[in-house]
Amino acid sequence: MANGRPIIFLLHGTSQIHTRTAGILEVVDPYLDDRAAQEAFGEVERLARKLGLDRRYIYLPSTSEADAIAGLWKALHPEQTLVMSDEEKCLAGTSPHDVYRSGSAPHQVLHYVT
């Protein structure tokens, strides 16, 4: 399915994350406050495990820079990227060979092929 490479699931958080002040030697992880992201990754993990997929997960908090996803795309060189059509702006500045759409509104998916 991924030609021997792991499938990467990336989630860009959308919820407002409560900013906490870190105590001495404490790491503050915004993922721990993003319940929607935890549920989404949990569902993906159940499906991926059932299918026996080699997988990795990347979480970007809602406060991350707008071009962070495009930067990851450029660094990872994926063969295919699927993104919900309402998140198309996250891949602005990338240069796939082909882009096609599947599904129907409001769940239309863009396929970026390199």
N, C-alpha and C. Protein backbone atom coordinates (compact mmCIF):
# COMPACT_ATOMS: atom_id res chain seq x y z
N MET A 1 0.82 -1.19 0.00
CA MET A 1 0.00 0.00 0.00
C MET A 1 0.87 1.25 0.00
N ALA A 2 1.95 1.27 0.77
CA ALA A 2 2.83 2.43 0.82
C ALA A 2 4.22 2.08 0.29
N ASN A 3 4.28 1.03 -0.53
CA ASN A 3 5.54 0.59 -1.13
C ASN A 3 6.66 0.39 -0.11
N GLY A 4 6.34 -0.28 0.99
CA GLY A 4 7.34 -0.59 2.00
C GLY A 4 7.64 0.54 2.97
N ARG A 5 7.06 1.68 2.77
CA ARG A 5 7.26 2.81 3.68
C ARG A 5 6.07 2.90 4.64
N PRO A 6 6.29 3.41 5.84
CA PRO A 6 5.16 3.54 6.76
C PRO A 6 4.16 4.59 6.28
N ILE A 7 2.93 4.40 6.67
CA ILE A 7 1.89 5.39 6.41
C ILE A 7 1.93 6.38 7.56
N ILE A 8 1.92 7.65 7.23
CA ILE A 8 1.99 8.69 8.26
C ILE A 8 0.63 9.36 8.37
N PHE A 9 0.10 9.38 9.57
CA PHE A 9 -1.15 10.07 9.84
C PHE A 9 -0.81 11.36 10.56
N LEU A 10 -1.17 12.47 9.95
CA LEU A 10 -0.88 13.78 10.52
C LEU A 10 -2.20 14.44 10.90
N LEU A 11 -2.26 14.97 12.08
CA LEU A 11 -3.44 15.68 12.52
C LEU A 11 -3.03 17.07 12.96
N HIS A 12 -3.69 18.05 12.37
CA HIS A 12 -3.47 19.45 12.76
C HIS A 12 -4.60 19.80 13.72
N GLY A 13 -4.27 19.98 14.98
CA GLY A 13 -5.27 20.26 15.99
C GLY A 13 -6.11 21.48 15.65
N THR A 14 -7.37 21.42 16.03
CA THR A 14 -8.27 22.54 15.76
C THR A 14 -8.81 23.15 17.04
N SER A 15 -8.71 22.44 18.13
CA SER A 15 -9.28 22.96 19.37
C SER A 15 -8.34 23.96 20.02
N GLN A 16 -8.94 24.87 20.73
CA GLN A 16 -8.14 25.82 21.50
C GLN A 16 -7.50 25.07 22.65
N ILE A 17 -6.23 25.09 22.67
CA ILE A 17 -5.50 24.36 23.70
C ILE A 17 -5.25 25.29 24.87
N HIS A 18 -5.55 24.79 26.04
CA HIS A 18 -5.30 25.58 27.24
C HIS A 18 -3.80 25.68 27.45
N THR A 19 -3.34 26.89 27.53
CA THR A 19 -1.90 27.05 27.75
C THR A 19 -1.63 26.94 29.24
N ARG A 20 -0.76 26.03 29.54
CA ARG A 20 -0.37 25.82 30.94
C ARG A 20 1.07 26.23 31.09
N THR A 21 1.40 26.70 32.23
CA THR A 21 2.78 27.02 32.52
C THR A 21 3.47 25.76 33.02
N ALA A 22 4.57 25.44 32.40
CA ALA A 22 5.30 24.24 32.80
C ALA A 22 6.01 24.48 34.12
N GLY A 23 5.95 23.47 34.96
CA GLY A 23 6.69 23.53 36.22
C GLY A 23 8.14 23.12 35.97
N ILE A 24 8.93 23.10 36.99
CA ILE A 24 10.33 22.71 36.87
C ILE A 24 10.42 21.28 36.37
N LEU A 25 11.19 21.07 35.30
CA LEU A 25 11.41 19.78 34.67
C LEU A 25 10.13 19.14 34.13
N GLU A 26 9.09 19.92 33.89
CA GLU A 26 7.83 19.40 33.35
C GLU A 26 7.75 19.72 31.86
N VAL A 27 7.30 18.76 31.10
CA VAL A 27 7.07 18.95 29.68
C VAL A 27 5.58 19.13 29.47
N VAL A 28 5.20 20.19 28.78
CA VAL A 28 3.80 20.44 28.48
C VAL A 28 3.55 20.02 27.04
N ASP A 29 2.73 19.00 26.87
CA ASP A 29 2.42 18.46 25.55
C ASP A 29 0.99 18.86 25.18
N PRO A 30 0.81 19.70 24.15
CA PRO A 30 -0.54 20.14 23.80
C PRO A 30 -1.46 19.00 23.37
N TYR A 31 -0.91 17.91 22.89
CA TYR A 31 -1.72 16.75 22.49
C TYR A 31 -2.54 16.22 23.68
N LEU A 32 -1.97 16.29 24.87
CA LEU A 32 -2.66 15.77 26.06
C LEU A 32 -3.92 16.55 26.38
N ASP A 33 -4.04 17.77 25.88
CA ASP A 33 -5.23 18.59 26.11
C ASP A 33 -6.21 18.55 24.95
N ASP A 34 -5.87 17.88 23.85
CA ASP A 34 -6.69 17.87 22.64
C ASP A 34 -7.45 16.54 22.55
N ARG A 35 -8.60 16.50 23.20
CA ARG A 35 -9.40 15.27 23.27
C ARG A 35 -9.84 14.80 21.88
N ALA A 36 -10.21 15.73 21.00
CA ALA A 36 -10.65 15.36 19.65
C ALA A 36 -9.52 14.65 18.89
N ALA A 37 -8.29 15.14 19.04
CA ALA A 37 -7.14 14.53 18.37
C ALA A 37 -6.88 13.13 18.93
N GLN A 38 -7.00 12.98 20.23
CA GLN A 38 -6.80 11.67 20.85
C GLN A 38 -7.83 10.66 20.33
N GLU A 39 -9.07 11.09 20.20
CA GLU A 39 -10.11 10.20 19.69
C GLU A 39 -9.88 9.85 18.23
N ALA A 40 -9.48 10.84 17.43
CA ALA A 40 -9.22 10.60 16.01
C ALA A 40 -8.06 9.63 15.83
N PHE A 41 -6.95 9.86 16.52
CA PHE A 41 -5.81 8.95 16.41
C PHE A 41 -6.16 7.56 16.96
N GLY A 42 -6.99 7.50 17.98
CA GLY A 42 -7.41 6.22 18.52
C GLY A 42 -8.18 5.40 17.49
N GLU A 43 -9.08 6.05 16.78
CA GLU A 43 -9.85 5.36 15.74
C GLU A 43 -8.95 4.91 14.60
N VAL A 44 -8.03 5.78 14.17
CA VAL A 44 -7.09 5.42 13.11
C VAL A 44 -6.22 4.26 13.56
N GLU A 45 -5.77 4.27 14.80
CA GLU A 45 -4.93 3.19 15.32
C GLU A 45 -5.68 1.86 15.30
N ARG A 46 -6.94 1.86 15.70
CA ARG A 46 -7.72 0.62 15.67
C ARG A 46 -7.83 0.07 14.25
N LEU A 47 -8.12 0.94 13.29
CA LEU A 47 -8.24 0.51 11.89
C LEU A 47 -6.90 0.05 11.33
N ALA A 48 -5.84 0.81 11.60
CA ALA A 48 -4.51 0.47 11.07
C ALA A 48 -4.01 -0.85 11.65
N ARG A 49 -4.25 -1.06 12.92
CA ARG A 49 -3.83 -2.32 13.56
C ARG A 49 -4.58 -3.49 12.94
N LYS A 50 -5.88 -3.31 12.70
CA LYS A 50 -6.71 -4.35 12.09
C LYS A 50 -6.20 -4.71 10.69
N LEU A 51 -5.71 -3.69 9.95
CA LEU A 51 -5.21 -3.90 8.59
C LEU A 51 -3.72 -4.27 8.56
N GLY A 52 -3.06 -4.23 9.71
CA GLY A 52 -1.64 -4.58 9.78
C GLY A 52 -0.73 -3.57 9.11
N LEU A 53 -1.09 -2.30 9.16
CA LEU A 53 -0.30 -1.26 8.51
C LEU A 53 0.87 -0.80 9.37
N ASP A 54 2.00 -0.55 8.74
CA ASP A 54 3.13 0.08 9.41
C ASP A 54 2.80 1.57 9.43
N ARG A 55 2.74 2.17 10.59
CA ARG A 55 2.23 3.53 10.69
C ARG A 55 3.01 4.38 11.67
N ARG A 56 2.91 5.69 11.45
CA ARG A 56 3.49 6.69 12.34
C ARG A 56 2.45 7.80 12.50
N TYR A 57 2.59 8.54 13.59
CA TYR A 57 1.63 9.60 13.88
C TYR A 57 2.37 10.91 14.13
N ILE A 58 1.83 11.98 13.57
CA ILE A 58 2.38 13.32 13.81
C ILE A 58 1.22 14.20 14.24
N TYR A 59 1.41 14.90 15.33
CA TYR A 59 0.40 15.85 15.82
C TYR A 59 0.99 17.25 15.79
N LEU A 60 0.27 18.15 15.15
CA LEU A 60 0.65 19.56 15.15
C LEU A 60 -0.43 20.33 15.89
N PRO A 61 -0.09 21.04 16.94
CA PRO A 61 -1.12 21.79 17.67
C PRO A 61 -1.70 22.92 16.81
N SER A 62 -2.87 23.37 17.19
CA SER A 62 -3.55 24.42 16.43
C SER A 62 -2.73 25.70 16.38
N THR A 63 -1.81 25.86 17.30
CA THR A 63 -0.99 27.07 17.34
C THR A 63 0.23 27.00 16.43
N SER A 64 0.42 25.87 15.73
CA SER A 64 1.59 25.73 14.86
C SER A 64 1.49 26.68 13.66
N GLU A 65 2.62 27.00 13.08
CA GLU A 65 2.68 27.91 11.95
C GLU A 65 1.88 27.36 10.77
N ALA A 66 1.33 28.25 9.99
CA ALA A 66 0.49 27.86 8.86
C ALA A 66 1.22 27.00 7.84
N ASP A 67 2.51 27.20 7.68
CA ASP A 67 3.26 26.44 6.67
C ASP A 67 3.93 25.18 7.22
N ALA A 68 3.60 24.79 8.45
CA ALA A 68 4.23 23.62 9.07
C ALA A 68 3.89 22.34 8.32
N ILE A 69 2.65 22.18 7.88
CA ILE A 69 2.26 20.97 7.18
C ILE A 69 2.96 20.89 5.83
N ALA A 70 3.01 21.99 5.11
CA ALA A 70 3.72 22.00 3.82
C ALA A 70 5.20 21.68 4.03
N GLY A 71 5.78 22.17 5.11
CA GLY A 71 7.18 21.88 5.41
C GLY A 71 7.41 20.39 5.67
N LEU A 72 6.49 19.76 6.40
CA LEU A 72 6.60 18.32 6.63
C LEU A 72 6.44 17.56 5.32
N TRP A 73 5.52 18.00 4.48
CA TRP A 73 5.29 17.35 3.18
C TRP A 73 6.58 17.37 2.36
N LYS A 74 7.23 18.51 2.35
CA LYS A 74 8.48 18.64 1.59
C LYS A 74 9.59 17.78 2.19
N ALA A 75 9.63 17.65 3.50
CA ALA A 75 10.68 16.87 4.16
C ALA A 75 10.47 15.36 4.02
N LEU A 76 9.22 14.93 4.03
CA LEU A 76 8.92 13.50 4.01
C LEU A 76 8.85 12.91 2.60
N HIS A 77 8.63 13.73 1.60
CA HIS A 77 8.52 13.27 0.20
C HIS A 77 7.52 12.12 0.04
N PRO A 78 6.27 12.33 0.45
CA PRO A 78 5.30 11.23 0.33
C PRO A 78 4.92 10.96 -1.13
N GLU A 79 4.57 9.71 -1.42
CA GLU A 79 4.12 9.36 -2.76
C GLU A 79 2.70 9.84 -2.99
N GLN A 80 1.89 9.81 -1.94
CA GLN A 80 0.52 10.28 -2.04
C GLN A 80 0.11 10.88 -0.70
N THR A 81 -0.62 11.97 -0.77
CA THR A 81 -1.11 12.64 0.42
C THR A 81 -2.61 12.84 0.27
N LEU A 82 -3.36 12.46 1.28
CA LEU A 82 -4.79 12.68 1.29
C LEU A 82 -5.09 13.78 2.30
N VAL A 83 -5.91 14.72 1.89
CA VAL A 83 -6.26 15.83 2.78
C VAL A 83 -7.72 16.20 2.54
N MET A 84 -8.41 16.54 3.60
CA MET A 84 -9.79 17.00 3.44
C MET A 84 -9.77 18.32 2.66
N SER A 85 -10.74 18.50 1.80
CA SER A 85 -10.73 19.67 0.91
C SER A 85 -10.73 20.99 1.67
N ASP A 86 -11.32 21.03 2.86
CA ASP A 86 -11.32 22.29 3.62
C ASP A 86 -9.96 22.60 4.24
N GLU A 87 -9.01 21.66 4.13
CA GLU A 87 -7.65 21.88 4.63
C GLU A 87 -6.65 22.07 3.50
N GLU A 88 -7.14 22.29 2.30
CA GLU A 88 -6.29 22.44 1.12
C GLU A 88 -5.23 23.53 1.31
N LYS A 89 -5.58 24.57 2.02
CA LYS A 89 -4.64 25.69 2.23
C LYS A 89 -3.37 25.25 2.96
N CYS A 90 -3.45 24.15 3.71
CA CYS A 90 -2.28 23.66 4.46
C CYS A 90 -1.17 23.16 3.54
N LEU A 91 -1.52 22.78 2.31
CA LEU A 91 -0.51 22.27 1.39
C LEU A 91 -0.18 23.29 0.30
N ALA A 92 -0.55 24.53 0.52
CA ALA A 92 -0.17 25.58 -0.43
C ALA A 92 1.35 25.67 -0.48
N GLY A 93 1.88 25.81 -1.65
CA GLY A 93 3.32 25.90 -1.81
C GLY A 93 3.99 24.57 -2.10
N THR A 94 3.22 23.47 -2.07
CA THR A 94 3.78 22.18 -2.44
C THR A 94 3.63 22.01 -3.95
N SER A 95 4.34 21.07 -4.50
CA SER A 95 4.26 20.90 -5.96
C SER A 95 4.06 19.43 -6.33
N PRO A 96 2.84 18.92 -6.11
CA PRO A 96 2.58 17.54 -6.51
C PRO A 96 2.49 17.44 -8.03
N HIS A 97 2.67 16.23 -8.55
CA HIS A 97 2.54 16.01 -10.00
C HIS A 97 1.08 16.05 -10.42
N ASP A 98 0.19 15.60 -9.54
CA ASP A 98 -1.22 15.52 -9.89
C ASP A 98 -2.05 15.69 -8.63
N VAL A 99 -3.23 16.29 -8.79
CA VAL A 99 -4.17 16.44 -7.69
C VAL A 99 -5.54 16.04 -8.23
N TYR A 100 -6.20 15.13 -7.54
CA TYR A 100 -7.56 14.81 -7.93
C TYR A 100 -8.43 14.71 -6.70
N ARG A 101 -9.73 14.79 -6.91
CA ARG A 101 -10.70 14.82 -5.82
C ARG A 101 -11.53 13.55 -5.81
N SER A 102 -11.94 13.13 -4.61
CA SER A 102 -12.87 12.02 -4.47
C SER A 102 -13.87 12.37 -3.38
N GLY A 103 -14.95 11.64 -3.35
CA GLY A 103 -15.99 11.91 -2.36
C GLY A 103 -16.84 13.08 -2.77
N SER A 104 -17.74 13.44 -1.90
CA SER A 104 -18.63 14.57 -2.18
C SER A 104 -18.72 15.45 -0.94
N ALA A 105 -19.17 16.68 -1.17
CA ALA A 105 -19.27 17.65 -0.09
C ALA A 105 -20.16 17.10 1.01
N PRO A 106 -19.88 17.29 2.25
CA PRO A 106 -18.80 18.08 2.81
C PRO A 106 -17.54 17.24 3.10
N HIS A 107 -17.50 16.01 2.62
CA HIS A 107 -16.38 15.12 2.93
C HIS A 107 -15.52 14.85 1.70
N GLN A 108 -15.26 15.87 0.94
CA GLN A 108 -14.43 15.70 -0.26
C GLN A 108 -12.96 15.60 0.15
N VAL A 109 -12.26 14.66 -0.48
CA VAL A 109 -10.86 14.40 -0.18
C VAL A 109 -10.02 14.76 -1.40
N LEU A 110 -8.91 15.45 -1.16
CA LEU A 110 -7.95 15.76 -2.22
C LEU A 110 -6.82 14.75 -2.14
N HIS A 111 -6.40 14.26 -3.29
CA HIS A 111 -5.30 13.31 -3.39
C HIS A 111 -4.14 14.02 -4.08
N TYR A 112 -3.06 14.25 -3.36
CA TYR A 112 -1.85 14.85 -3.91
C TYR A 112 -0.91 13.70 -4.25
N VAL A 113 -0.57 13.55 -5.51
CA VAL A 113 0.29 12.46 -5.98
C VAL A 113 1.61 13.04 -6.46
N THR A 114 2.72 12.44 -5.99
CA THR A 114 4.05 12.90 -6.44
C THR A 114 4.68 11.87 -7.33
